[in-house]
Protein backbone atom coordinates (compact mmCIF):
# COMPACT_ATOMS: atom_id res chain seq x y z
CA UNK A 1 109.06 69.12 25.62
CA UNK A 2 109.56 69.91 29.21
CA UNK A 3 105.95 71.45 29.23
CA UNK A 4 104.48 68.17 27.57
CA UNK A 5 106.23 66.18 30.29
CA UNK A 6 104.84 68.47 32.87
CA UNK A 7 101.22 68.30 31.64
CA UNK A 8 101.45 64.30 31.34
CA UNK A 9 102.82 64.24 34.78
CA UNK A 10 99.94 66.13 36.13
CA UNK A 11 97.41 64.12 34.05
CA UNK A 12 98.84 61.00 35.55
CA UNK A 13 98.69 62.34 39.23
CA UNK A 14 95.09 63.47 38.59
CA UNK A 15 94.25 59.89 37.26
CA UNK A 16 96.17 58.23 40.27
CA UNK A 17 94.48 60.42 42.80
CA UNK A 18 90.86 59.86 41.38
CA UNK A 19 91.49 56.14 41.14
CA UNK A 20 92.37 56.23 44.90
CA UNK A 21 89.45 58.39 45.92
CA UNK A 22 87.16 56.13 43.81
CA UNK A 23 88.38 53.01 45.45
CA UNK A 24 87.67 54.58 48.72
CA UNK A 25 84.04 55.47 47.93
CA UNK A 26 83.33 52.01 46.28
CA UNK A 27 84.79 50.51 49.31
CA UNK A 28 82.28 51.41 51.64
CA UNK A 29 80.13 48.74 52.99
CA UNK A 30 76.29 49.08 52.86
CA UNK A 31 73.90 47.31 55.18
CA UNK A 32 70.31 46.69 53.66
CA UNK A 33 67.28 47.44 55.68
CA UNK A 34 63.97 46.30 54.10
CA UNK A 35 60.76 47.92 55.13
CA UNK A 36 57.07 48.45 53.87
CA UNK A 37 54.45 51.01 53.38
CA UNK A 38 50.71 50.76 54.23
CA UNK A 39 47.91 53.02 52.60
CA UNK A 40 44.29 53.88 53.45
CA UNK A 41 41.71 55.97 51.95
CA UNK A 42 39.15 58.23 53.51
CA UNK A 43 36.72 59.91 51.33
CA UNK A 44 35.77 63.54 52.47
CA UNK A 45 32.76 65.16 50.58
CA UNK A 46 32.70 68.09 52.96
CA UNK A 47 36.19 69.54 51.61
CA UNK A 48 36.52 67.75 48.50
CA UNK A 49 39.84 66.40 49.33
CA UNK A 50 40.18 62.88 49.92
CA UNK A 51 42.75 61.64 52.87
CA UNK A 52 45.19 58.95 52.07
CA UNK A 53 47.31 58.06 54.99
CA UNK A 54 49.66 55.22 56.13
CA UNK A 55 52.63 54.12 57.96
CA UNK A 56 56.13 53.32 56.80
CA UNK A 57 57.43 50.53 58.86
CA UNK A 58 61.15 49.22 59.11
CA UNK A 59 63.32 47.52 61.53
CA UNK A 60 65.54 50.51 61.84
CA UNK A 61 63.44 53.49 63.08
CA UNK A 62 65.95 55.71 61.35
CA UNK A 63 64.85 54.59 57.94
CA UNK A 64 61.10 55.13 58.59
CA UNK A 65 61.68 58.46 60.21
CA UNK A 66 61.67 61.49 57.51
CA UNK A 67 61.08 58.91 54.61
CA UNK A 68 59.75 60.59 51.42
CA UNK A 69 56.35 58.95 50.30
CA UNK A 70 54.98 59.50 46.90
CA UNK A 71 51.35 59.06 46.14
CA UNK A 72 51.03 57.50 42.70
CA UNK A 73 48.01 57.45 40.17
CA UNK A 74 47.33 55.33 37.63
CA UNK A 75 43.95 54.85 35.32
CA UNK A 76 42.31 51.66 35.78
CA UNK A 77 39.79 50.09 33.45
CA UNK A 78 36.73 47.67 33.54
CA UNK A 79 36.44 47.67 37.29
CA UNK A 80 40.12 48.16 38.37
CA UNK A 81 41.69 46.11 35.55
CA UNK A 82 45.35 47.32 34.67
CA UNK A 83 46.48 49.45 32.13
CA UNK A 84 49.61 50.25 30.18
CA UNK A 85 49.44 53.94 31.18
CA UNK A 86 52.60 54.68 33.40
CA UNK A 87 52.01 55.54 37.17
CA UNK A 88 52.40 59.07 37.79
CA UNK A 89 53.13 60.64 41.14
CA UNK A 90 50.42 63.23 42.05
CA UNK A 91 51.65 64.18 45.71
CA UNK A 92 54.39 63.85 47.97
CA UNK A 93 55.22 64.20 51.84
CA UNK A 94 57.69 62.99 54.46
CA UNK A 95 56.67 60.55 57.17
CA UNK A 96 56.68 61.81 60.73
CA UNK A 97 59.00 60.65 63.62
CA UNK A 98 56.90 57.51 64.11
CA UNK A 99 56.56 56.67 60.34
CA UNK A 100 53.00 58.00 59.78
CA UNK A 101 52.15 60.14 56.81
CA UNK A 102 49.18 61.94 55.36
CA UNK A 103 48.31 63.36 52.01
CA UNK A 104 45.03 65.33 51.34
CA UNK A 105 44.58 64.91 47.69
CA UNK A 106 41.27 65.86 45.57
CA UNK A 107 40.25 62.76 43.39
CA UNK A 108 38.40 64.35 40.41
CA UNK A 109 36.44 62.44 37.80
CA UNK A 110 37.87 62.02 34.33
CA UNK A 111 35.53 61.13 31.47
CA UNK A 112 38.37 59.06 29.66
CA UNK A 113 38.20 56.14 32.48
CA UNK A 114 35.85 55.30 35.17
CA UNK A 115 38.28 54.02 37.81
CA UNK A 116 41.32 55.37 39.29
CA UNK A 117 44.26 53.50 41.18
CA UNK A 118 46.27 54.77 43.78
CA UNK A 119 49.34 53.43 45.44
CA UNK A 120 52.16 54.69 47.86
CA UNK A 121 55.86 54.11 47.48
CA UNK A 122 59.25 55.59 48.90
CA UNK A 123 62.45 55.75 46.94
CA UNK A 124 65.55 53.97 48.30
CA UNK A 125 67.46 56.14 50.96
CA UNK A 126 71.15 56.02 51.78
CA UNK A 127 71.94 57.01 55.54
CA UNK A 128 75.18 57.63 57.00
CA UNK A 129 76.20 55.77 60.09
CA UNK A 130 78.69 56.42 63.04
CA UNK A 131 80.93 53.74 61.69
CA UNK A 132 83.36 55.04 59.11
CA UNK A 133 83.01 53.15 55.80
CA UNK A 134 79.30 51.71 56.78
CA UNK A 135 76.22 53.12 54.93
CA UNK A 136 72.51 52.11 55.86
CA UNK A 137 70.47 51.51 52.63
CA UNK A 138 66.83 51.77 53.22
CA UNK A 139 64.46 50.27 50.77
CA UNK A 140 60.64 49.77 51.04
CA UNK A 141 58.14 47.91 49.28
CA UNK A 142 55.28 49.55 47.72
CA UNK A 143 51.77 49.70 49.31
CA UNK A 144 48.96 47.81 47.92
CA UNK A 145 46.87 49.53 45.23
CA UNK A 146 43.52 51.02 45.96
CA UNK A 147 41.02 51.46 42.91
CA UNK A 148 38.57 54.13 43.33
CA UNK A 149 35.53 55.27 41.47
CA UNK A 150 35.56 58.89 41.88
CA UNK A 151 32.52 61.00 41.97
């Protein structure tokens, strides 16, 4: 009986402490900062690797600095028309201190489809701030879609 009460007391204490800790984490304020990505394509026939580059821009430079940039691929049909095949990340990099990024990627022909579309995106990031209880949430809109005819 005493052991059962002791176990129940410890369980109640653990639940109370986790509720207090959870409330502290959930109570953190978040400041959202929205930014955007650009993408450019440069074909390089000499090395065989195409150059995809762009800029991550944000009103807060901390969001752009070191942001992860994913180069996404999706097949396109009939002159760049959409498809229901999901977008696949084929390469990733990090933006430099100014927000610029560059990926060298070999665009190869595929007999299943004539056109390929590429775009860049960056996942949401949460950054710490010097103010206690305040987090910086960086969100970026995806770049425009570039449709290519490899070969």
